[in-house]
Amino acid sequence: MPKAIVLINADVGTETYLLQKLRSTPNVKEAYFVFGVYDLVVILEADSIEALKETITVKIRGLPEVRSTLTMTVIE
């Protein structure tokens, strides 16, 4: 099952809203606030690499509150 970790920079003041939105997004298994260079960390798991790609490119990067992302695909 394909997995990925996505680090997200969010617009200032939108972090709480964005965290709630991400936690209700299909294929998002975990989502957290973090301190440091990034604002949020999301752990994804999908049935296929195509579904994982769709979640990252459309459902996460397509959100207007998301300023930038860094995606790390998990290899086992």
N, C-alpha and C. Protein backbone atom coordinates (compact mmCIF):
# COMPACT_ATOMS: atom_id res chain seq x y z
N MET A 1 0.85 -1.17 0.00
CA MET A 1 0.00 0.00 0.00
C MET A 1 0.90 1.24 0.00
N PRO A 2 0.80 2.10 -1.00
CA PRO A 2 1.65 3.30 -1.08
C PRO A 2 1.40 4.26 0.07
N LYS A 3 2.51 4.82 0.58
CA LYS A 3 2.45 5.78 1.68
C LYS A 3 3.33 6.97 1.34
N ALA A 4 2.99 8.11 1.94
CA ALA A 4 3.80 9.32 1.77
C ALA A 4 3.67 10.19 3.00
N ILE A 5 4.70 11.00 3.21
CA ILE A 5 4.68 12.01 4.26
C ILE A 5 4.78 13.35 3.55
N VAL A 6 3.86 14.26 3.87
CA VAL A 6 3.83 15.56 3.22
C VAL A 6 4.04 16.64 4.28
N LEU A 7 5.04 17.48 4.05
CA LEU A 7 5.31 18.63 4.92
C LEU A 7 4.68 19.84 4.26
N ILE A 8 3.96 20.64 5.03
CA ILE A 8 3.16 21.72 4.47
C ILE A 8 3.47 23.06 5.13
N ASN A 9 3.63 24.08 4.31
CA ASN A 9 3.65 25.48 4.78
C ASN A 9 2.27 26.05 4.47
N ALA A 10 1.66 26.67 5.49
CA ALA A 10 0.31 27.21 5.34
C ALA A 10 0.32 28.73 5.46
N ASP A 11 -0.71 29.36 4.91
CA ASP A 11 -0.88 30.80 5.11
C ASP A 11 -1.05 31.06 6.61
N VAL A 12 -0.48 32.15 7.07
CA VAL A 12 -0.55 32.51 8.49
C VAL A 12 -2.01 32.65 8.91
N GLY A 13 -2.35 32.03 10.04
CA GLY A 13 -3.69 32.13 10.57
C GLY A 13 -4.66 31.09 10.06
N THR A 14 -4.25 30.25 9.11
CA THR A 14 -5.15 29.24 8.55
C THR A 14 -4.82 27.83 9.03
N GLU A 15 -3.86 27.70 9.92
CA GLU A 15 -3.38 26.38 10.31
C GLU A 15 -4.46 25.49 10.94
N THR A 16 -5.26 26.06 11.84
CA THR A 16 -6.31 25.27 12.50
C THR A 16 -7.35 24.79 11.50
N TYR A 17 -7.81 25.70 10.65
CA TYR A 17 -8.78 25.32 9.62
C TYR A 17 -8.19 24.25 8.70
N LEU A 18 -6.96 24.45 8.28
CA LEU A 18 -6.32 23.53 7.36
C LEU A 18 -6.14 22.16 8.00
N LEU A 19 -5.76 22.11 9.26
CA LEU A 19 -5.59 20.83 9.95
C LEU A 19 -6.92 20.07 9.98
N GLN A 20 -8.01 20.74 10.31
CA GLN A 20 -9.33 20.10 10.33
C GLN A 20 -9.70 19.58 8.94
N LYS A 21 -9.45 20.38 7.93
CA LYS A 21 -9.76 20.00 6.55
C LYS A 21 -8.94 18.77 6.14
N LEU A 22 -7.66 18.78 6.45
CA LEU A 22 -6.78 17.66 6.09
C LEU A 22 -7.18 16.38 6.81
N ARG A 23 -7.53 16.48 8.07
CA ARG A 23 -7.92 15.29 8.84
C ARG A 23 -9.19 14.63 8.31
N SER A 24 -10.00 15.37 7.58
CA SER A 24 -11.23 14.79 7.01
C SER A 24 -11.05 14.41 5.54
N THR A 25 -9.83 14.52 5.02
CA THR A 25 -9.54 14.20 3.62
C THR A 25 -9.29 12.70 3.48
N PRO A 26 -9.91 12.05 2.49
CA PRO A 26 -9.64 10.63 2.25
C PRO A 26 -8.15 10.38 2.02
N ASN A 27 -7.67 9.26 2.50
CA ASN A 27 -6.27 8.81 2.40
C ASN A 27 -5.34 9.49 3.40
N VAL A 28 -5.81 10.49 4.15
CA VAL A 28 -5.00 11.09 5.20
C VAL A 28 -5.19 10.24 6.45
N LYS A 29 -4.11 9.63 6.90
CA LYS A 29 -4.16 8.77 8.09
C LYS A 29 -3.86 9.55 9.36
N GLU A 30 -2.94 10.53 9.27
CA GLU A 30 -2.58 11.36 10.41
C GLU A 30 -2.22 12.75 9.92
N ALA A 31 -2.49 13.76 10.75
CA ALA A 31 -2.10 15.14 10.43
C ALA A 31 -1.82 15.86 11.74
N TYR A 32 -0.70 16.62 11.76
CA TYR A 32 -0.25 17.27 12.98
C TYR A 32 0.25 18.68 12.71
N PHE A 33 0.12 19.56 13.73
CA PHE A 33 0.84 20.83 13.75
C PHE A 33 2.27 20.51 14.15
N VAL A 34 3.23 21.23 13.60
CA VAL A 34 4.62 21.09 14.02
C VAL A 34 5.27 22.47 14.10
N PHE A 35 6.31 22.57 14.90
CA PHE A 35 7.11 23.78 14.95
C PHE A 35 8.35 23.56 14.11
N GLY A 36 8.80 24.60 13.46
CA GLY A 36 10.00 24.50 12.64
C GLY A 36 9.76 25.13 11.28
N VAL A 37 10.44 24.62 10.30
CA VAL A 37 10.37 25.16 8.94
C VAL A 37 8.97 24.96 8.35
N TYR A 38 8.31 23.86 8.69
CA TYR A 38 6.97 23.56 8.17
C TYR A 38 5.93 23.74 9.27
N ASP A 39 4.68 23.92 8.86
CA ASP A 39 3.57 24.14 9.79
C ASP A 39 2.79 22.87 10.11
N LEU A 40 2.68 21.98 9.13
CA LEU A 40 1.88 20.77 9.29
C LEU A 40 2.61 19.57 8.68
N VAL A 41 2.37 18.40 9.26
CA VAL A 41 2.87 17.14 8.71
C VAL A 41 1.67 16.23 8.50
N VAL A 42 1.60 15.64 7.32
CA VAL A 42 0.49 14.75 6.98
C VAL A 42 1.06 13.40 6.55
N ILE A 43 0.47 12.33 7.06
CA ILE A 43 0.85 10.99 6.66
C ILE A 43 -0.30 10.42 5.85
N LEU A 44 0.02 9.99 4.63
CA LEU A 44 -0.98 9.48 3.69
C LEU A 44 -0.79 8.00 3.45
N GLU A 45 -1.88 7.32 3.15
CA GLU A 45 -1.83 5.93 2.73
C GLU A 45 -3.01 5.72 1.78
N ALA A 46 -2.72 5.13 0.62
CA ALA A 46 -3.77 4.93 -0.39
C ALA A 46 -3.68 3.53 -0.98
N ASP A 47 -4.73 3.15 -1.70
CA ASP A 47 -4.77 1.83 -2.33
C ASP A 47 -3.84 1.72 -3.53
N SER A 48 -3.56 2.86 -4.17
CA SER A 48 -2.72 2.85 -5.36
C SER A 48 -1.86 4.11 -5.40
N ILE A 49 -0.82 4.07 -6.19
CA ILE A 49 0.03 5.24 -6.34
C ILE A 49 -0.74 6.37 -7.02
N GLU A 50 -1.68 6.02 -7.90
CA GLU A 50 -2.50 7.03 -8.56
C GLU A 50 -3.39 7.75 -7.57
N ALA A 51 -3.97 7.01 -6.63
CA ALA A 51 -4.82 7.62 -5.60
C ALA A 51 -3.98 8.50 -4.67
N LEU A 52 -2.77 8.07 -4.38
CA LEU A 52 -1.86 8.86 -3.56
C LEU A 52 -1.51 10.16 -4.27
N LYS A 53 -1.18 10.06 -5.54
CA LYS A 53 -0.85 11.25 -6.34
C LYS A 53 -2.02 12.22 -6.40
N GLU A 54 -3.22 11.72 -6.59
CA GLU A 54 -4.43 12.55 -6.65
C GLU A 54 -4.63 13.28 -5.32
N THR A 55 -4.45 12.59 -4.22
CA THR A 55 -4.61 13.21 -2.91
C THR A 55 -3.61 14.35 -2.72
N ILE A 56 -2.36 14.11 -3.10
CA ILE A 56 -1.32 15.13 -2.93
C ILE A 56 -1.55 16.31 -3.85
N THR A 57 -1.73 16.05 -5.14
CA THR A 57 -1.77 17.15 -6.11
C THR A 57 -3.07 17.92 -6.10
N VAL A 58 -4.18 17.25 -5.89
CA VAL A 58 -5.48 17.93 -5.97
C VAL A 58 -6.02 18.29 -4.59
N LYS A 59 -6.08 17.30 -3.70
CA LYS A 59 -6.77 17.51 -2.43
C LYS A 59 -5.92 18.23 -1.39
N ILE A 60 -4.59 18.20 -1.53
CA ILE A 60 -3.74 18.94 -0.59
C ILE A 60 -3.18 20.19 -1.26
N ARG A 61 -2.43 20.02 -2.32
CA ARG A 61 -1.79 21.17 -2.98
C ARG A 61 -2.82 22.11 -3.61
N GLY A 62 -4.01 21.61 -3.87
CA GLY A 62 -5.07 22.44 -4.46
C GLY A 62 -5.78 23.33 -3.46
N LEU A 63 -5.53 23.14 -2.18
CA LEU A 63 -6.16 23.99 -1.17
C LEU A 63 -5.54 25.38 -1.18
N PRO A 64 -6.35 26.43 -1.21
CA PRO A 64 -5.79 27.78 -1.30
C PRO A 64 -4.95 28.20 -0.10
N GLU A 65 -5.14 27.56 1.05
CA GLU A 65 -4.37 27.90 2.25
C GLU A 65 -2.97 27.29 2.26
N VAL A 66 -2.72 26.35 1.37
CA VAL A 66 -1.41 25.68 1.28
C VAL A 66 -0.48 26.52 0.44
N ARG A 67 0.61 26.97 1.06
CA ARG A 67 1.60 27.80 0.35
C ARG A 67 2.62 26.95 -0.39
N SER A 68 3.09 25.88 0.27
CA SER A 68 4.06 24.99 -0.37
C SER A 68 4.05 23.64 0.33
N THR A 69 4.58 22.64 -0.36
CA THR A 69 4.66 21.29 0.20
C THR A 69 6.01 20.66 -0.13
N LEU A 70 6.35 19.66 0.66
CA LEU A 70 7.49 18.79 0.38
C LEU A 70 6.98 17.38 0.61
N THR A 71 7.02 16.55 -0.42
CA THR A 71 6.49 15.20 -0.33
C THR A 71 7.61 14.19 -0.30
N MET A 72 7.51 13.25 0.63
CA MET A 72 8.46 12.15 0.73
C MET A 72 7.68 10.86 0.60
N THR A 73 7.94 10.12 -0.47
CA THR A 73 7.28 8.84 -0.68
C THR A 73 8.00 7.79 0.14
N VAL A 74 7.23 7.00 0.87
CA VAL A 74 7.79 5.95 1.73
C VAL A 74 8.13 4.74 0.87
N ILE A 75 9.34 4.21 1.06
CA ILE A 75 9.71 2.95 0.42
C ILE A 75 9.99 1.94 1.53
N GLU A 76 9.56 0.74 1.32
CA GLU A 76 9.71 -0.27 2.38
C GLU A 76 10.64 -1.35 1.94
